């Protein structure tokens, strides 16, 4: 409030069983960031990404250094 920057807590995910994925639509360019279970291939949506800033925020929030794109 009043211009103060609030420090966000880092959120966690199961790094052994999940990987960070950016699902991209070929048709309309929509992008959804989330985590894909390595064993089952099930995708868990976390955030709708509209621009590079939102992608950077997602990666910082979860401590992700690299993210793969899937179409």
C-alpha atoms as a PDB file:
ATOM      1  CA  UNK A   1       0.000   0.000   0.000  1.00  0.00           C
ATOM      2  CA  UNK A   2       1.188   3.527  -0.713  1.00  0.00           C
ATOM      3  CA  UNK A   3       3.992   2.439  -2.993  1.00  0.00           C
ATOM      4  CA  UNK A   4       5.502  -0.139  -0.674  1.00  0.00           C
ATOM      5  CA  UNK A   5       6.834  -3.195  -2.380  1.00  0.00           C
ATOM      6  CA  UNK A   6       5.547  -6.359  -0.774  1.00  0.00           C
ATOM      7  CA  UNK A   7       7.974  -9.249  -0.825  1.00  0.00           C
ATOM      8  CA  UNK A   8       6.246 -12.346  -2.147  1.00  0.00           C
ATOM      9  CA  UNK A   9       6.880 -15.773  -0.717  1.00  0.00           C
ATOM     10  CA  UNK A  10       8.405 -18.278  -3.068  1.00  0.00           C
ATOM     11  CA  UNK A  11       5.968 -21.023  -3.871  1.00  0.00           C
ATOM     12  CA  UNK A  12       7.135 -24.573  -4.326  1.00  0.00           C
ATOM     13  CA  UNK A  13       6.400 -27.534  -6.537  1.00  0.00           C
ATOM     14  CA  UNK A  14       7.610 -31.147  -6.666  1.00  0.00           C
ATOM     15  CA  UNK A  15      10.865 -30.746  -8.581  1.00  0.00           C
ATOM     16  CA  UNK A  16      11.505 -34.498  -8.684  1.00  0.00           C
ATOM     17  CA  UNK A  17       8.180 -35.414 -10.290  1.00  0.00           C
ATOM     18  CA  UNK A  18       7.137 -32.239 -12.127  1.00  0.00           C
ATOM     19  CA  UNK A  19       8.647 -29.878 -14.679  1.00  0.00           C
ATOM     20  CA  UNK A  20       7.695 -26.322 -15.549  1.00  0.00           C
ATOM     21  CA  UNK A  21       5.873 -26.028 -18.879  1.00  0.00           C
ATOM     22  CA  UNK A  22       4.457 -23.156 -20.912  1.00  0.00           C
ATOM     23  CA  UNK A  23       1.530 -24.456 -22.966  1.00  0.00           C
ATOM     24  CA  UNK A  24       1.069 -22.340 -26.081  1.00  0.00           C
ATOM     25  CA  UNK A  25      -1.855 -22.320 -28.490  1.00  0.00           C
ATOM     26  CA  UNK A  26      -0.944 -22.273 -32.156  1.00  0.00           C
ATOM     27  CA  UNK A  27      -4.334 -20.807 -33.126  1.00  0.00           C
ATOM     28  CA  UNK A  28      -4.684 -17.754 -30.920  1.00  0.00           C
ATOM     29  CA  UNK A  29      -1.364 -17.399 -29.095  1.00  0.00           C
ATOM     30  CA  UNK A  30      -2.720 -18.042 -25.591  1.00  0.00           C
ATOM     31  CA  UNK A  31      -0.088 -19.149 -23.095  1.00  0.00           C
ATOM     32  CA  UNK A  32      -0.632 -20.965 -19.806  1.00  0.00           C
ATOM     33  CA  UNK A  33       2.175 -21.649 -17.348  1.00  0.00           C
ATOM     34  CA  UNK A  34       2.037 -24.648 -15.102  1.00  0.00           C
ATOM     35  CA  UNK A  35       3.600 -27.941 -14.159  1.00  0.00           C
ATOM     36  CA  UNK A  36       3.552 -31.273 -15.967  1.00  0.00           C
ATOM     37  CA  UNK A  37       3.829 -34.552 -14.095  1.00  0.00           C
ATOM     38  CA  UNK A  38       6.772 -36.424 -15.606  1.00  0.00           C
ATOM     39  CA  UNK A  39       5.303 -39.900 -15.014  1.00  0.00           C
ATOM     40  CA  UNK A  40       1.682 -39.353 -16.078  1.00  0.00           C
ATOM     41  CA  UNK A  41       1.948 -36.336 -18.389  1.00  0.00           C
ATOM     42  CA  UNK A  42      -0.887 -34.597 -16.520  1.00  0.00           C
ATOM     43  CA  UNK A  43      -0.691 -30.789 -16.740  1.00  0.00           C
ATOM     44  CA  UNK A  44      -1.622 -28.572 -13.773  1.00  0.00           C
ATOM     45  CA  UNK A  45      -2.428 -24.978 -14.802  1.00  0.00           C
ATOM     46  CA  UNK A  46      -1.097 -22.240 -12.548  1.00  0.00           C
ATOM     47  CA  UNK A  47      -1.173 -18.917 -14.417  1.00  0.00           C
ATOM     48  CA  UNK A  48      -2.420 -17.382 -17.651  1.00  0.00           C
ATOM     49  CA  UNK A  49       0.501 -15.581 -19.293  1.00  0.00           C
ATOM     50  CA  UNK A  50      -0.200 -12.532 -21.470  1.00  0.00           C
ATOM     51  CA  UNK A  51       3.296 -11.052 -21.785  1.00  0.00           C
ATOM     52  CA  UNK A  52       6.973 -11.514 -20.897  1.00  0.00           C
ATOM     53  CA  UNK A  53       6.584  -9.669 -17.584  1.00  0.00           C
ATOM     54  CA  UNK A  54       3.957 -12.145 -16.355  1.00  0.00           C
ATOM     55  CA  UNK A  55       6.123 -15.079 -17.447  1.00  0.00           C
ATOM     56  CA  UNK A  56       9.080 -13.607 -15.553  1.00  0.00           C
ATOM     57  CA  UNK A  57       6.906 -13.150 -12.433  1.00  0.00           C
ATOM     58  CA  UNK A  58       5.756 -16.782 -12.633  1.00  0.00           C
ATOM     59  CA  UNK A  59       9.329 -18.011 -12.954  1.00  0.00           C
ATOM     60  CA  UNK A  60      10.531 -15.868 -10.030  1.00  0.00           C
ATOM     61  CA  UNK A  61       7.565 -16.851  -7.860  1.00  0.00           C
ATOM     62  CA  UNK A  62       8.298 -20.580  -8.245  1.00  0.00           C
ATOM     63  CA  UNK A  63      12.084 -20.347  -8.576  1.00  0.00           C
ATOM     64  CA  UNK A  64      12.062 -21.749 -12.119  1.00  0.00           C
ATOM     65  CA  UNK A  65      15.204 -21.099 -14.138  1.00  0.00           C
ATOM     66  CA  UNK A  66      14.149 -22.663 -17.423  1.00  0.00           C
ATOM     67  CA  UNK A  67      10.750 -23.508 -18.871  1.00  0.00           C
ATOM     68  CA  UNK A  68       9.845 -25.641 -21.867  1.00  0.00           C
ATOM     69  CA  UNK A  69       7.200 -24.704 -24.428  1.00  0.00           C
ATOM     70  CA  UNK A  70       4.606 -27.168 -25.649  1.00  0.00           C
ATOM     71  CA  UNK A  71       2.194 -26.584 -28.486  1.00  0.00           C
END
